[in-house]
């Protein structure tokens, strides 16, 4: 596979860490960096899928609870929405 050149500036401390890993593994710094970037990209894809499932589950629970409250406790539904909005505003500052 043809590799492409990507310029990258790194802190000296990170370069030292990479060099130490490369020496221990008898690899080049570039090989260690490629392996680390691949690991990060694959992990990010997994985390993204996990985050998607969490968001889906959260939205489902919110919708289910909202439906139940609307049907069985319609007298407090509006108050609960207003309180939720107030708390969200307070968190934003």
N, C-alpha and C. Protein backbone atom coordinates (compact mmCIF):
# COMPACT_ATOMS: atom_id res chain seq x y z
N UNK A 1 0.85 -1.17 0.00
CA UNK A 1 0.00 0.00 0.00
C UNK A 1 0.90 1.24 0.00
N UNK A 2 0.58 2.19 -0.83
CA UNK A 2 1.32 3.43 -0.91
C UNK A 2 0.96 4.30 0.29
N UNK A 3 1.96 4.68 1.05
CA UNK A 3 1.73 5.51 2.22
C UNK A 3 1.86 6.97 1.84
N UNK A 4 1.05 7.81 2.45
CA UNK A 4 1.09 9.24 2.20
C UNK A 4 1.76 9.94 3.36
N UNK A 5 2.39 11.04 3.08
CA UNK A 5 3.11 11.82 4.07
C UNK A 5 2.15 12.79 4.76
N UNK A 6 2.16 12.80 6.10
CA UNK A 6 1.33 13.72 6.87
C UNK A 6 2.23 14.42 7.89
N UNK A 7 2.48 15.72 7.70
CA UNK A 7 3.32 16.43 8.66
C UNK A 7 2.58 16.58 9.99
N UNK A 8 3.31 16.42 11.07
CA UNK A 8 2.69 16.44 12.40
C UNK A 8 3.68 17.00 13.40
N UNK A 9 3.28 18.00 14.15
CA UNK A 9 4.13 18.57 15.19
C UNK A 9 3.77 17.92 16.52
N UNK A 10 4.80 17.48 17.26
CA UNK A 10 4.59 16.82 18.54
C UNK A 10 5.44 17.47 19.61
N UNK A 11 4.94 17.42 20.84
CA UNK A 11 5.72 17.90 21.98
C UNK A 11 6.93 16.98 22.19
N UNK A 12 8.04 17.53 22.64
CA UNK A 12 9.23 16.71 22.87
C UNK A 12 8.99 15.55 23.83
N UNK A 13 8.14 15.75 24.83
CA UNK A 13 7.84 14.69 25.79
C UNK A 13 7.16 13.50 25.11
N UNK A 14 6.26 13.80 24.19
CA UNK A 14 5.57 12.73 23.46
C UNK A 14 6.54 11.99 22.54
N UNK A 15 7.42 12.74 21.91
CA UNK A 15 8.42 12.10 21.05
C UNK A 15 9.30 11.16 21.87
N UNK A 16 9.68 11.59 23.06
CA UNK A 16 10.49 10.73 23.94
C UNK A 16 9.74 9.45 24.30
N UNK A 17 8.46 9.59 24.62
CA UNK A 17 7.65 8.40 24.94
C UNK A 17 7.57 7.46 23.74
N UNK A 18 7.34 8.02 22.57
CA UNK A 18 7.25 7.20 21.36
C UNK A 18 8.58 6.51 21.07
N UNK A 19 9.67 7.25 21.26
CA UNK A 19 10.99 6.66 21.03
C UNK A 19 11.26 5.51 21.99
N UNK A 20 10.87 5.68 23.25
CA UNK A 20 11.07 4.60 24.23
C UNK A 20 10.29 3.35 23.85
N UNK A 21 9.05 3.54 23.40
CA UNK A 21 8.24 2.40 22.96
C UNK A 21 8.89 1.74 21.75
N UNK A 22 9.34 2.56 20.82
CA UNK A 22 9.96 2.04 19.60
C UNK A 22 11.20 1.22 19.94
N UNK A 23 12.02 1.69 20.87
CA UNK A 23 13.23 0.96 21.26
C UNK A 23 12.85 -0.37 21.90
N UNK A 24 11.88 -0.35 22.81
CA UNK A 24 11.48 -1.58 23.49
C UNK A 24 10.92 -2.62 22.52
N UNK A 25 10.28 -2.15 21.45
CA UNK A 25 9.64 -3.06 20.50
C UNK A 25 10.48 -3.29 19.26
N UNK A 26 11.65 -2.68 19.22
CA UNK A 26 12.53 -2.78 18.04
C UNK A 26 11.80 -2.36 16.77
N UNK A 27 11.13 -1.24 16.86
CA UNK A 27 10.38 -0.70 15.72
C UNK A 27 10.81 0.75 15.51
N UNK A 28 10.40 1.29 14.40
CA UNK A 28 10.66 2.71 14.16
C UNK A 28 9.60 3.55 14.89
N UNK A 29 9.93 4.79 15.14
CA UNK A 29 8.96 5.71 15.74
C UNK A 29 7.71 5.80 14.86
N UNK A 30 7.91 5.85 13.55
CA UNK A 30 6.78 5.96 12.62
C UNK A 30 5.86 4.75 12.73
N UNK A 31 6.42 3.55 12.89
CA UNK A 31 5.59 2.35 13.04
C UNK A 31 4.76 2.41 14.31
N UNK A 32 5.38 2.87 15.38
CA UNK A 32 4.65 3.00 16.65
C UNK A 32 3.53 4.02 16.50
N UNK A 33 3.81 5.12 15.84
CA UNK A 33 2.79 6.15 15.64
C UNK A 33 1.64 5.63 14.78
N UNK A 34 1.96 4.92 13.69
CA UNK A 34 0.91 4.36 12.83
C UNK A 34 0.02 3.40 13.61
N UNK A 35 0.67 2.53 14.40
CA UNK A 35 -0.09 1.56 15.19
C UNK A 35 -0.98 2.28 16.22
N UNK A 36 -0.43 3.31 16.86
CA UNK A 36 -1.21 4.07 17.84
C UNK A 36 -2.39 4.80 17.21
N UNK A 37 -2.16 5.39 16.04
CA UNK A 37 -3.25 6.09 15.36
C UNK A 37 -4.33 5.13 14.89
N UNK A 38 -3.92 3.97 14.41
CA UNK A 38 -4.90 2.96 13.99
C UNK A 38 -5.73 2.50 15.20
N UNK A 39 -5.06 2.25 16.32
CA UNK A 39 -5.77 1.85 17.54
C UNK A 39 -6.78 2.92 17.94
N UNK A 40 -6.35 4.19 17.93
CA UNK A 40 -7.24 5.29 18.30
C UNK A 40 -8.44 5.36 17.37
N UNK A 41 -8.20 5.26 16.07
CA UNK A 41 -9.29 5.36 15.09
C UNK A 41 -10.29 4.21 15.27
N UNK A 42 -9.78 2.99 15.48
CA UNK A 42 -10.67 1.84 15.68
C UNK A 42 -11.45 1.99 16.98
N UNK A 43 -10.79 2.43 18.03
CA UNK A 43 -11.46 2.62 19.32
C UNK A 43 -12.52 3.70 19.22
N UNK A 44 -12.21 4.77 18.49
CA UNK A 44 -13.17 5.85 18.31
C UNK A 44 -14.42 5.34 17.59
N UNK A 45 -14.25 4.48 16.61
CA UNK A 45 -15.40 3.92 15.88
C UNK A 45 -16.26 3.10 16.83
N UNK A 46 -15.62 2.33 17.72
CA UNK A 46 -16.36 1.52 18.68
C UNK A 46 -17.10 2.42 19.66
N UNK A 47 -16.40 3.43 20.17
CA UNK A 47 -17.03 4.35 21.11
C UNK A 47 -18.19 5.07 20.44
N UNK A 48 -18.01 5.47 19.21
CA UNK A 48 -19.08 6.16 18.50
C UNK A 48 -20.32 5.28 18.40
N UNK A 49 -20.13 3.99 18.11
CA UNK A 49 -21.27 3.07 18.03
C UNK A 49 -21.92 2.91 19.39
N UNK A 50 -21.10 2.81 20.42
CA UNK A 50 -21.62 2.69 21.79
C UNK A 50 -22.40 3.94 22.17
N UNK A 51 -21.84 5.10 21.86
CA UNK A 51 -22.53 6.35 22.15
C UNK A 51 -23.86 6.41 21.41
N UNK A 52 -23.88 5.96 20.17
CA UNK A 52 -25.13 5.95 19.40
C UNK A 52 -26.18 5.08 20.08
N UNK A 53 -25.77 3.90 20.55
CA UNK A 53 -26.72 3.01 21.24
C UNK A 53 -27.23 3.66 22.53
N UNK A 54 -26.35 4.33 23.26
CA UNK A 54 -26.77 5.01 24.50
C UNK A 54 -27.77 6.12 24.20
N UNK A 55 -27.48 6.89 23.18
CA UNK A 55 -28.39 7.98 22.81
C UNK A 55 -29.75 7.41 22.40
N UNK A 56 -29.73 6.36 21.61
CA UNK A 56 -30.97 5.72 21.19
C UNK A 56 -31.76 5.23 22.40
N UNK A 57 -31.07 4.58 23.35
CA UNK A 57 -31.74 4.08 24.55
C UNK A 57 -32.28 5.23 25.39
N UNK A 58 -31.48 6.29 25.54
CA UNK A 58 -31.94 7.46 26.31
C UNK A 58 -33.18 8.09 25.69
N UNK A 59 -33.15 8.25 24.37
CA UNK A 59 -34.30 8.85 23.69
C UNK A 59 -35.55 7.98 23.82
N UNK A 60 -35.37 6.66 23.69
CA UNK A 60 -36.50 5.75 23.84
C UNK A 60 -37.09 5.87 25.24
N UNK A 61 -36.23 5.86 26.26
CA UNK A 61 -36.71 5.96 27.64
C UNK A 61 -37.42 7.29 27.87
N UNK A 62 -36.86 8.38 27.34
CA UNK A 62 -37.49 9.68 27.48
C UNK A 62 -38.88 9.67 26.84
N UNK A 63 -38.97 9.17 25.63
CA UNK A 63 -40.26 9.15 24.94
C UNK A 63 -41.28 8.26 25.65
N UNK A 64 -40.82 7.10 26.12
CA UNK A 64 -41.72 6.20 26.83
C UNK A 64 -42.22 6.83 28.11
N UNK A 65 -41.33 7.43 28.88
CA UNK A 65 -41.72 8.06 30.14
C UNK A 65 -42.62 9.26 29.88
N UNK A 66 -42.30 10.05 28.86
CA UNK A 66 -43.14 11.20 28.52
C UNK A 66 -44.55 10.75 28.16
N UNK A 67 -44.66 9.67 27.40
CA UNK A 67 -45.98 9.14 27.02
C UNK A 67 -46.75 8.68 28.26
N UNK A 68 -46.09 7.98 29.15
CA UNK A 68 -46.74 7.50 30.38
C UNK A 68 -47.22 8.67 31.23
N UNK A 69 -46.35 9.67 31.39
CA UNK A 69 -46.73 10.83 32.22
C UNK A 69 -47.89 11.59 31.58
N UNK A 70 -47.84 11.77 30.26
CA UNK A 70 -48.94 12.46 29.58
C UNK A 70 -50.27 11.73 29.79
N UNK A 71 -50.25 10.41 29.71
CA UNK A 71 -51.48 9.62 29.83
C UNK A 71 -51.97 9.52 31.27
N UNK A 72 -51.05 9.25 32.19
CA UNK A 72 -51.46 8.94 33.55
C UNK A 72 -51.34 10.09 34.53
N UNK A 73 -50.58 11.11 34.18
CA UNK A 73 -50.37 12.25 35.09
C UNK A 73 -50.38 13.56 34.30
N UNK A 74 -51.38 13.72 33.47
CA UNK A 74 -51.42 14.90 32.59
C UNK A 74 -51.46 16.21 33.38
N UNK A 75 -51.93 16.15 34.63
CA UNK A 75 -52.02 17.36 35.44
C UNK A 75 -50.65 17.95 35.81
N UNK A 76 -49.60 17.14 35.82
CA UNK A 76 -48.27 17.63 36.19
C UNK A 76 -47.29 17.62 35.01
N UNK A 77 -47.72 17.16 33.85
CA UNK A 77 -46.82 17.05 32.69
C UNK A 77 -46.18 18.39 32.35
N UNK A 78 -46.96 19.42 32.24
CA UNK A 78 -46.43 20.75 31.90
C UNK A 78 -45.47 21.27 32.94
N UNK A 79 -45.81 21.06 34.21
CA UNK A 79 -44.92 21.51 35.29
C UNK A 79 -43.58 20.78 35.22
N UNK A 80 -43.61 19.49 34.92
CA UNK A 80 -42.37 18.73 34.82
C UNK A 80 -41.50 19.22 33.66
N UNK A 81 -42.13 19.51 32.53
CA UNK A 81 -41.38 20.04 31.39
C UNK A 81 -40.76 21.39 31.72
N UNK A 82 -41.52 22.25 32.40
CA UNK A 82 -41.00 23.56 32.79
C UNK A 82 -39.83 23.42 33.76
N UNK A 83 -39.94 22.51 34.72
CA UNK A 83 -38.86 22.29 35.67
C UNK A 83 -37.62 21.74 34.97
N UNK A 84 -37.82 20.84 34.03
CA UNK A 84 -36.69 20.29 33.27
C UNK A 84 -35.99 21.40 32.48
N UNK A 85 -36.77 22.28 31.88
CA UNK A 85 -36.20 23.40 31.13
C UNK A 85 -35.43 24.33 32.06
N UNK A 86 -35.98 24.60 33.25
CA UNK A 86 -35.30 25.46 34.22
C UNK A 86 -33.96 24.85 34.64
N UNK A 87 -33.95 23.55 34.90
CA UNK A 87 -32.71 22.88 35.30
C UNK A 87 -31.69 22.87 34.18
N UNK A 88 -32.14 22.67 32.96
CA UNK A 88 -31.22 22.71 31.81
C UNK A 88 -30.59 24.09 31.66
N UNK A 89 -31.40 25.13 31.84
CA UNK A 89 -30.85 26.50 31.76
C UNK A 89 -29.84 26.73 32.87
N UNK A 90 -30.12 26.23 34.07
CA UNK A 90 -29.20 26.41 35.21
C UNK A 90 -27.88 25.71 34.95
N UNK A 91 -27.90 24.56 34.31
CA UNK A 91 -26.66 23.85 33.99
C UNK A 91 -25.81 24.59 32.97
N UNK A 92 -26.47 25.28 32.06
CA UNK A 92 -25.75 26.04 31.03
C UNK A 92 -25.12 27.29 31.60
N UNK A 93 -25.67 27.78 32.71
CA UNK A 93 -25.11 28.97 33.37
C UNK A 93 -25.64 30.23 32.91
